[in-house]
PDB file of N, CA and C in Angstrom:
ATOM      1  N   MET A   1     -70.445  34.320 114.198  1.00  0.00           N
ATOM      2  CA  MET A   1     -70.262  36.029 113.392  1.00  0.00           C
ATOM      3  C   MET A   1     -69.149  36.498 114.441  1.00  0.00           C
ATOM      4  N   GLU A   2     -68.197  37.344 113.646  1.00  0.00           N
ATOM      5  CA  GLU A   2     -67.213  37.955 114.300  1.00  0.00           C
ATOM      6  C   GLU A   2     -68.065  39.550 114.403  1.00  0.00           C
ATOM      7  N   PHE A   3     -67.642  40.277 115.766  1.00  0.00           N
ATOM      8  CA  PHE A   3     -67.926  41.680 115.842  1.00  0.00           C
ATOM      9  C   PHE A   3     -67.225  42.772 115.117  1.00  0.00           C
ATOM     10  N   ILE A   4     -67.232  43.176 114.277  1.00  0.00           N
ATOM     11  CA  ILE A   4     -66.635  44.178 113.963  1.00  0.00           C
ATOM     12  C   ILE A   4     -66.904  45.624 114.212  1.00  0.00           C
ATOM     13  N   PRO A   5     -66.196  46.227 115.084  1.00  0.00           N
ATOM     14  CA  PRO A   5     -66.599  47.764 115.514  1.00  0.00           C
ATOM     15  C   PRO A   5     -66.549  48.383 114.256  1.00  0.00           C
ATOM     16  N   TYR A   6     -67.814  49.891 114.698  1.00  0.00           N
ATOM     17  CA  TYR A   6     -67.752  51.172 113.207  1.00  0.00           C
ATOM     18  C   TYR A   6     -66.259  51.500 113.671  1.00  0.00           C
ATOM     19  N   LYS A   7     -65.325  52.330 112.779  1.00  0.00           N
ATOM     20  CA  LYS A   7     -64.739  53.257 112.985  1.00  0.00           C
ATOM     21  C   LYS A   7     -65.206  54.445 113.100  1.00  0.00           C
ATOM     22  N   ALA A   8     -64.132  55.376 113.593  1.00  0.00           N
ATOM     23  CA  ALA A   8     -64.946  56.975 113.651  1.00  0.00           C
ATOM     24  C   ALA A   8     -65.305  57.566 112.121  1.00  0.00           C
ATOM     25  N   ASN A   9     -64.172  57.125 111.297  1.00  0.00           N
ATOM     26  CA  ASN A   9     -64.651  57.843 110.484  1.00  0.00           C
ATOM     27  C   ASN A   9     -65.928  57.227 109.506  1.00  0.00           C
ATOM     28  N   GLU A  10     -66.588  56.172 110.057  1.00  0.00           N
ATOM     29  CA  GLU A  10     -67.494  55.417 109.673  1.00  0.00           C
ATOM     30  C   GLU A  10     -68.736  55.687 110.010  1.00  0.00           C
ATOM     31  N   CYS A  11     -69.191  56.509 110.986  1.00  0.00           N
ATOM     32  CA  CYS A  11     -70.113  56.876 111.957  1.00  0.00           C
ATOM     33  C   CYS A  11     -71.381  57.694 111.030  1.00  0.00           C
ATOM     34  N   PHE A  12     -71.034  58.231 110.365  1.00  0.00           N
ATOM     35  CA  PHE A  12     -72.184  59.045 109.544  1.00  0.00           C
ATOM     36  C   PHE A  12     -72.067  58.517 108.014  1.00  0.00           C
ATOM     37  N   GLU A  13     -71.651  57.545 107.565  1.00  0.00           N
ATOM     38  CA  GLU A  13     -71.687  57.044 106.076  1.00  0.00           C
ATOM     39  C   GLU A  13     -72.893  56.454 105.784  1.00  0.00           C
ATOM     40  N   HIS A  14     -73.943  56.082 106.556  1.00  0.00           N
ATOM     41  CA  HIS A  14     -75.075  55.363 106.663  1.00  0.00           C
ATOM     42  C   HIS A  14     -76.282  56.426 106.319  1.00  0.00           C
ATOM     43  N   LEU A  15     -77.069  55.947 105.609  1.00  0.00           N
ATOM     44  CA  LEU A  15     -78.464  56.516 105.213  1.00  0.00           C
ATOM     45  C   LEU A  15     -79.476  55.609 106.152  1.00  0.00           C
ATOM     46  N   TYR A  16     -80.755  56.578 106.742  1.00  0.00           N
ATOM     47  CA  TYR A  16     -81.138  56.042 107.424  1.00  0.00           C
ATOM     48  C   TYR A  16     -82.959  56.102 107.122  1.00  0.00           C
ATOM     49  N   TYR A  17     -83.616  55.197 107.295  1.00  0.00           N
ATOM     50  CA  TYR A  17     -85.188  55.429 107.146  1.00  0.00           C
ATOM     51  C   TYR A  17     -85.931  55.708 108.130  1.00  0.00           C
ATOM     52  N   GLN A  18     -86.790  56.676 108.291  1.00  0.00           N
ATOM     53  CA  GLN A  18     -87.643  56.974 109.185  1.00  0.00           C
ATOM     54  C   GLN A  18     -88.536  56.523 109.125  1.00  0.00           C
ATOM     55  N   ILE A  19     -89.232  55.942 110.865  1.00  0.00           N
ATOM     56  CA  ILE A  19     -90.770  55.452 110.598  1.00  0.00           C
ATOM     57  C   ILE A  19     -90.841  56.569 111.775  1.00  0.00           C
ATOM     58  N   PRO A  20     -91.993  56.869 111.603  1.00  0.00           N
ATOM     59  CA  PRO A  20     -93.313  58.100 112.243  1.00  0.00           C
ATOM     60  C   PRO A  20     -93.303  57.148 113.900  1.00  0.00           C
ATOM     61  N   MET A  21     -92.966  58.061 115.125  1.00  0.00           N
ATOM     62  CA  MET A  21     -93.303  57.701 116.448  1.00  0.00           C
ATOM     63  C   MET A  21     -94.700  57.343 116.117  1.00  0.00           C
ATOM     64  N   GLU A  22     -96.188  57.680 115.963  1.00  0.00           N
ATOM     65  CA  GLU A  22     -97.249  57.972 115.632  1.00  0.00           C
ATOM     66  C   GLU A  22     -97.824  56.236 115.669  1.00  0.00           C
ATOM     67  N   LEU A  23     -96.949  55.359 114.480  1.00  0.00           N
ATOM     68  CA  LEU A  23     -97.110  54.169 114.091  1.00  0.00           C
ATOM     69  C   LEU A  23     -97.021  53.337 115.472  1.00  0.00           C
ATOM     70  N   PHE A  24     -96.387  53.522 116.515  1.00  0.00           N
ATOM     71  CA  PHE A  24     -96.312  52.924 117.593  1.00  0.00           C
ATOM     72  C   PHE A  24     -97.068  53.197 118.960  1.00  0.00           C
ATOM     73  N   PHE A  25     -97.093  54.547 118.932  1.00  0.00           N
ATOM     74  CA  PHE A  25     -97.900  54.999 120.179  1.00  0.00           C
ATOM     75  C   PHE A  25     -99.500  55.403 119.593  1.00  0.00           C
ATOM     76  N   ASN A  26    -100.014  55.817 118.886  1.00  0.00           N
ATOM     77  CA  ASN A  26    -101.134  56.134 118.060  1.00  0.00           C
ATOM     78  C   ASN A  26    -102.190  54.705 118.057  1.00  0.00           C
ATOM     79  N   LYS A  27    -102.980  54.407 119.172  1.00  0.00           N
ATOM     80  CA  LYS A  27    -104.148  53.392 119.220  1.00  0.00           C
ATOM     81  C   LYS A  27    -104.576  52.864 118.130  1.00  0.00           C
ATOM     82  N   ASN A  28    -104.905  53.910 116.839  1.00  0.00           N
ATOM     83  CA  ASN A  28    -105.311  53.702 115.756  1.00  0.00           C
ATOM     84  C   ASN A  28    -104.299  52.966 114.776  1.00  0.00           C
ATOM     85  N   TYR A  29    -103.191  53.128 115.209  1.00  0.00           N
ATOM     86  CA  TYR A  29    -101.909  52.219 114.355  1.00  0.00           C
ATOM     87  C   TYR A  29    -101.494  51.241 114.816  1.00  0.00           C
ATOM     88  N   LYS A  30    -100.854  51.527 116.534  1.00  0.00           N
ATOM     89  CA  LYS A  30    -100.290  50.803 117.329  1.00  0.00           C
ATOM     90  C   LYS A  30    -101.117  49.062 117.183  1.00  0.00           C
ATOM     91  N   TYR A  31    -102.233  48.890 117.287  1.00  0.00           N
ATOM     92  CA  TYR A  31    -102.781  47.441 117.254  1.00  0.00           C
ATOM     93  C   TYR A  31    -103.416  46.964 115.740  1.00  0.00           C
ATOM     94  N   LYS A  32    -103.134  47.936 115.150  1.00  0.00           N
ATOM     95  CA  LYS A  32    -103.703  47.475 113.987  1.00  0.00           C
ATOM     96  C   LYS A  32    -102.854  47.202 112.699  1.00  0.00           C
ATOM     97  N   LEU A  33    -101.518  47.649 112.820  1.00  0.00           N
ATOM     98  CA  LEU A  33    -100.470  47.722 112.332  1.00  0.00           C
ATOM     99  C   LEU A  33     -99.345  46.588 112.670  1.00  0.00           C
ATOM    100  N   ASN A  34     -98.973  45.514 111.962  1.00  0.00           N
ATOM    101  CA  ASN A  34     -97.752  44.700 112.230  1.00  0.00           C
ATOM    102  C   ASN A  34     -96.597  45.328 111.685  1.00  0.00           C
ATOM    103  N   SER A  35     -95.539  44.737 112.609  1.00  0.00           N
ATOM    104  CA  SER A  35     -93.922  45.357 112.147  1.00  0.00           C
ATOM    105  C   SER A  35     -94.139  45.872 110.763  1.00  0.00           C
ATOM    106  N   ASP A  36     -94.384  44.811 109.816  1.00  0.00           N
ATOM    107  CA  ASP A  36     -93.866  44.630 108.300  1.00  0.00           C
ATOM    108  C   ASP A  36     -94.576  45.737 107.840  1.00  0.00           C
ATOM    109  N   SER A  37     -95.894  46.163 108.312  1.00  0.00           N
ATOM    110  CA  SER A  37     -96.763  47.354 107.773  1.00  0.00           C
ATOM    111  C   SER A  37     -96.022  48.796 108.015  1.00  0.00           C
ATOM    112  N   LYS A  38     -95.188  48.448 109.205  1.00  0.00           N
ATOM    113  CA  LYS A  38     -94.774  49.857 109.952  1.00  0.00           C
ATOM    114  C   LYS A  38     -93.268  50.110 109.121  1.00  0.00           C
ATOM    115  N   ILE A  39     -92.635  48.892 108.822  1.00  0.00           N
ATOM    116  CA  ILE A  39     -91.716  49.368 107.898  1.00  0.00           C
ATOM    117  C   ILE A  39     -91.835  49.651 106.435  1.00  0.00           C
ATOM    118  N   LEU A  40     -92.735  48.878 106.195  1.00  0.00           N
ATOM    119  CA  LEU A  40     -93.344  49.199 104.799  1.00  0.00           C
ATOM    120  C   LEU A  40     -93.809  50.882 104.586  1.00  0.00           C
ATOM    121  N   TYR A  41     -94.420  51.308 105.609  1.00  0.00           N
ATOM    122  CA  TYR A  41     -95.038  52.679 105.561  1.00  0.00           C
ATOM    123  C   TYR A  41     -93.784  53.644 105.390  1.00  0.00           C
ATOM    124  N   CYS A  42     -92.330  53.282 106.245  1.00  0.00           N
ATOM    125  CA  CYS A  42     -91.635  54.155 106.253  1.00  0.00           C
ATOM    126  C   CYS A  42     -90.316  54.288 104.742  1.00  0.00           C
ATOM    127  N   PHE A  43     -90.787  52.696 104.149  1.00  0.00           N
ATOM    128  CA  PHE A  43     -90.088  52.703 102.611  1.00  0.00           C
ATOM    129  C   PHE A  43     -91.293  53.456 101.624  1.00  0.00           C
ATOM    130  N   LEU A  44     -92.408  53.626 101.716  1.00  0.00           N
ATOM    131  CA  LEU A  44     -93.230  54.261 101.393  1.00  0.00           C
ATOM    132  C   LEU A  44     -93.250  56.001 101.828  1.00  0.00           C
ATOM    133  N   LEU A  45     -93.266  56.065 102.659  1.00  0.00           N
ATOM    134  CA  LEU A  45     -92.820  57.770 102.810  1.00  0.00           C
ATOM    135  C   LEU A  45     -91.595  57.671 102.390  1.00  0.00           C
ATOM    136  N   ASN A  46     -90.316  57.142 101.956  1.00  0.00           N
ATOM    137  CA  ASN A  46     -89.051  57.650 101.647  1.00  0.00           C
ATOM    138  C   ASN A  46     -89.443  57.782  99.985  1.00  0.00           C
ATOM    139  N   ARG A  47     -90.327  56.749  99.379  1.00  0.00           N
ATOM    140  CA  ARG A  47     -90.527  57.011  98.011  1.00  0.00           C
ATOM    141  C   ARG A  47     -91.309  57.862  97.533  1.00  0.00           C
ATOM    142  N   VAL A  48     -92.306  58.751  98.452  1.00  0.00           N
ATOM    143  CA  VAL A  48     -92.762  59.833  98.418  1.00  0.00           C
ATOM    144  C   VAL A  48     -91.971  61.219  98.533  1.00  0.00           C
ATOM    145  N   LEU A  49     -90.663  61.063  99.113  1.00  0.00           N
ATOM    146  CA  LEU A  49     -89.509  62.190  99.283  1.00  0.00           C
ATOM    147  C   LEU A  49     -89.109  62.166  97.881  1.00  0.00           C
ATOM    148  N   LEU A  50     -88.853  60.875  97.382  1.00  0.00           N
ATOM    149  CA  LEU A  50     -87.895  60.682  96.092  1.00  0.00           C
ATOM    150  C   LEU A  50     -88.770  61.160  94.899  1.00  0.00           C
ATOM    151  N   SER A  51     -90.388  60.859  95.021  1.00  0.00           N
ATOM    152  CA  SER A  51     -91.221  61.612  93.977  1.00  0.00           C
ATOM    153  C   SER A  51     -91.159  63.226  94.059  1.00  0.00           C
ATOM    154  N   LYS A  52     -91.282  63.553  95.354  1.00  0.00           N
ATOM    155  CA  LYS A  52     -91.334  64.965  94.838  1.00  0.00           C
ATOM    156  C   LYS A  52     -90.232  65.400  94.642  1.00  0.00           C
ATOM    157  N   LYS A  53     -89.423  65.049  94.904  1.00  0.00           N
ATOM    158  CA  LYS A  53     -87.282  65.444  94.542  1.00  0.00           C
ATOM    159  C   LYS A  53     -87.916  65.248  92.833  1.00  0.00           C
ATOM    160  N   ASN A  54     -88.438  64.301  92.573  1.00  0.00           N
ATOM    161  CA  ASN A  54     -88.576  64.528  90.837  1.00  0.00           C
ATOM    162  C   ASN A  54     -89.711  64.901  90.051  1.00  0.00           C
ATOM    163  N   ASN A  55     -90.402  65.767  91.004  1.00  0.00           N
ATOM    164  CA  ASN A  55     -91.430  66.043  90.672  1.00  0.00           C
ATOM    165  C   ASN A  55     -92.474  65.774  89.936  1.00  0.00           C
ATOM    166  N   TRP A  56     -92.603  64.396  90.539  1.00  0.00           N
ATOM    167  CA  TRP A  56     -93.811  63.455  90.534  1.00  0.00           C
ATOM    168  C   TRP A  56     -95.328  63.807  90.728  1.00  0.00           C
ATOM    169  N   PHE A  57     -95.949  64.276  90.110  1.00  0.00           N
ATOM    170  CA  PHE A  57     -97.290  65.215  90.475  1.00  0.00           C
ATOM    171  C   PHE A  57     -97.789  65.292  89.752  1.00  0.00           C
ATOM    172  N   ASP A  58     -99.254  65.277  89.753  1.00  0.00           N
ATOM    173  CA  ASP A  58    -100.258  65.021  88.704  1.00  0.00           C
ATOM    174  C   ASP A  58    -100.762  66.483  88.493  1.00  0.00           C
ATOM    175  N   GLU A  59    -101.609  66.477  87.668  1.00  0.00           N
ATOM    176  CA  GLU A  59    -102.664  68.111  87.897  1.00  0.00           C
ATOM    177  C   GLU A  59    -103.123  68.605  88.982  1.00  0.00           C
ATOM    178  N   LYS A  60    -103.562  68.048  89.956  1.00  0.00           N
ATOM    179  CA  LYS A  60    -103.904  68.748  91.377  1.00  0.00           C
ATOM    180  C   LYS A  60    -102.870  68.699  92.443  1.00  0.00           C
ATOM    181  N   GLY A  61    -101.459  68.100  91.853  1.00  0.00           N
ATOM    182  CA  GLY A  61    -100.617  68.716  92.928  1.00  0.00           C
ATOM    183  C   GLY A  61    -100.435  67.556  93.776  1.00  0.00           C
ATOM    184  N   ASN A  62    -100.813  66.159  93.409  1.00  0.00           N
ATOM    185  CA  ASN A  62    -100.696  65.366  94.333  1.00  0.00           C
ATOM    186  C   ASN A  62     -99.459  64.632  93.515  1.00  0.00           C
ATOM    187  N   VAL A  63     -98.751  64.406  95.037  1.00  0.00           N
ATOM    188  CA  VAL A  63     -97.496  63.250  94.705  1.00  0.00           C
ATOM    189  C   VAL A  63     -98.052  61.759  94.468  1.00  0.00           C
ATOM    190  N   PHE A  64     -97.368  61.217  93.376  1.00  0.00           N
ATOM    191  CA  PHE A  64     -97.663  60.058  92.960  1.00  0.00           C
ATOM    192  C   PHE A  64     -96.193  58.904  92.940  1.00  0.00           C
ATOM    193  N   LEU A  65     -96.271  57.772  93.305  1.00  0.00           N
ATOM    194  CA  LEU A  65     -95.206  57.167  93.371  1.00  0.00           C
ATOM    195  C   LEU A  65     -94.939  55.965  92.753  1.00  0.00           C
ATOM    196  N   ILE A  66     -93.975  54.803  92.775  1.00  0.00           N
ATOM    197  CA  ILE A  66     -94.108  53.168  92.165  1.00  0.00           C
ATOM    198  C   ILE A  66     -93.202  53.094  92.700  1.00  0.00           C
ATOM    199  N   PHE A  67     -94.015  51.544  93.387  1.00  0.00           N
ATOM    200  CA  PHE A  67     -93.378  51.035  94.093  1.00  0.00           C
ATOM    201  C   PHE A  67     -94.037  49.412  93.940  1.00  0.00           C
ATOM    202  N   THR A  68     -93.242  48.696  93.226  1.00  0.00           N
ATOM    203  CA  THR A  68     -93.994  47.295  93.274  1.00  0.00           C
ATOM    204  C   THR A  68     -94.107  46.620  94.402  1.00  0.00           C
ATOM    205  N   ARG A  69     -94.936  45.530  94.115  1.00  0.00           N
ATOM    206  CA  ARG A  69     -95.073  44.413  95.087  1.00  0.00           C
ATOM    207  C   ARG A  69     -93.759  43.635  94.958  1.00  0.00           C
ATOM    208  N   LYS A  70     -93.381  43.411  94.132  1.00  0.00           N
ATOM    209  CA  LYS A  70     -92.143  42.397  93.819  1.00  0.00           C
ATOM    210  C   LYS A  70     -90.946  43.280  94.615  1.00  0.00           C
ATOM    211  N   GLU A  71     -90.913  44.757  94.498  1.00  0.00           N
ATOM    212  CA  GLU A  71     -89.978  45.323  94.937  1.00  0.00           C
ATOM    213  C   GLU A  71     -90.122  45.263  96.386  1.00  0.00           C
ATOM    214  N   VAL A  72     -91.250  45.402  97.543  1.00  0.00           N
ATOM    215  CA  VAL A  72     -91.457  45.236  98.628  1.00  0.00           C
ATOM    216  C   VAL A  72     -90.706  43.897  99.171  1.00  0.00           C
ATOM    217  N   GLN A  73     -91.307  42.503  98.441  1.00  0.00           N
ATOM    218  CA  GLN A  73     -91.103  41.264  98.070  1.00  0.00           C
ATOM    219  C   GLN A  73     -89.387  41.121  98.610  1.00  0.00           C
ATOM    220  N   GLU A  74     -88.811  41.826  97.894  1.00  0.00           N
ATOM    221  CA  GLU A  74     -87.427  41.857  97.963  1.00  0.00           C
ATOM    222  C   GLU A  74     -86.545  42.542  99.248  1.00  0.00           C
ATOM    223  N   LEU A  75     -87.228  44.020  99.324  1.00  0.00           N
ATOM    224  CA  LEU A  75     -86.891  44.606 100.294  1.00  0.00           C
ATOM    225  C   LEU A  75     -86.853  43.889 101.793  1.00  0.00           C
ATOM    226  N   LEU A  76     -88.225  43.748 102.164  1.00  0.00           N
ATOM    227  CA  LEU A  76     -88.192  43.212 103.453  1.00  0.00           C
ATOM    228  C   LEU A  76     -88.236  41.391 103.364  1.00  0.00           C
ATOM    229  N   ASN A  77     -87.637  40.567 102.559  1.00  0.00           N
ATOM    230  CA  ASN A  77     -87.666  39.563 102.199  1.00  0.00           C
ATOM    231  C   ASN A  77     -89.078  38.839 102.576  1.00  0.00           C
ATOM    232  N   LEU A  78     -89.783  38.949 102.166  1.00  0.00           N
ATOM    233  CA  LEU A  78     -91.594  38.559 102.824  1.00  0.00           C
ATOM    234  C   LEU A  78     -91.802  37.718 101.524  1.00  0.00           C
ATOM    235  N   SER A  79     -93.004  37.068 101.825  1.00  0.00           N
ATOM    236  CA  SER A  79     -93.613  36.139 100.393  1.00  0.00           C
ATOM    237  C   SER A  79     -94.913  37.191 100.207  1.00  0.00           C
ATOM    238  N   ASP A  80     -95.034  36.729  99.220  1.00  0.00           N
ATOM    239  CA  ASP A  80     -95.917  37.333  98.157  1.00  0.00           C
ATOM    240  C   ASP A  80     -97.797  37.347  99.538  1.00  0.00           C
ATOM    241  N   LYS A  81     -97.647  36.328 100.085  1.00  0.00           N
ATOM    242  CA  LYS A  81     -98.951  36.261 100.574  1.00  0.00           C
ATOM    243  C   LYS A  81     -98.737  37.447 102.440  1.00  0.00           C
ATOM    244  N   THR A  82     -97.362  37.208 102.483  1.00  0.00           N
ATOM    245  CA  THR A  82     -97.244  38.379 103.766  1.00  0.00           C
ATOM    246  C   THR A  82     -97.496  39.814 103.338  1.00  0.00           C
ATOM    247  N   THR A  83     -96.900  40.127 102.122  1.00  0.00           N
ATOM    248  CA  THR A  83     -96.829  41.473 101.320  1.00  0.00           C
ATOM    249  C   THR A  83     -98.142  42.156 101.143  1.00  0.00           C
ATOM    250  N   THR A  84     -99.062  41.234 100.969  1.00  0.00           N
ATOM    251  CA  THR A  84    -100.196  41.409 100.409  1.00  0.00           C
ATOM    252  C   THR A  84    -101.007  41.947 102.258  1.00  0.00           C
ATOM    253  N   LYS A  85    -100.398  41.041 103.395  1.00  0.00           N
ATOM    254  CA  LYS A  85    -100.849  41.683 104.619  1.00  0.00           C
ATOM    255  C   LYS A  85    -100.350  43.132 105.086  1.00  0.00           C
ATOM    256  N   ALA A  86     -99.084  43.118 104.530  1.00  0.00           N
ATOM    257  CA  ALA A  86     -98.458  44.154 105.237  1.00  0.00           C
ATOM    258  C   ALA A  86     -98.985  45.658 104.132  1.00  0.00           C
ATOM    259  N   PHE A  87     -99.388  45.708 102.958  1.00  0.00           N
ATOM    260  CA  PHE A  87    -100.492  46.936 102.613  1.00  0.00           C
ATOM    261  C   PHE A  87    -101.841  46.426 103.138  1.00  0.00           C
TER     262      PHE A  87
END
């Protein structure tokens, strides 16, 4: 695979997911969540922000989101069994 460096005008063209550092340092999460689960959490967090933007709230003000297992399998390239473990 050939290395292709970034050009100066390409440096800020990317979007990023954020993973809370707490998932890696807090003992309640560090040893209980695998890497797939931590990545899934950042996808879910991103979906919550999208739901908020689209005003997807229930009558109590709770944000809801739609994220199917199939979408998770495709995004993370996981089997159904591994996807189930990530949840």
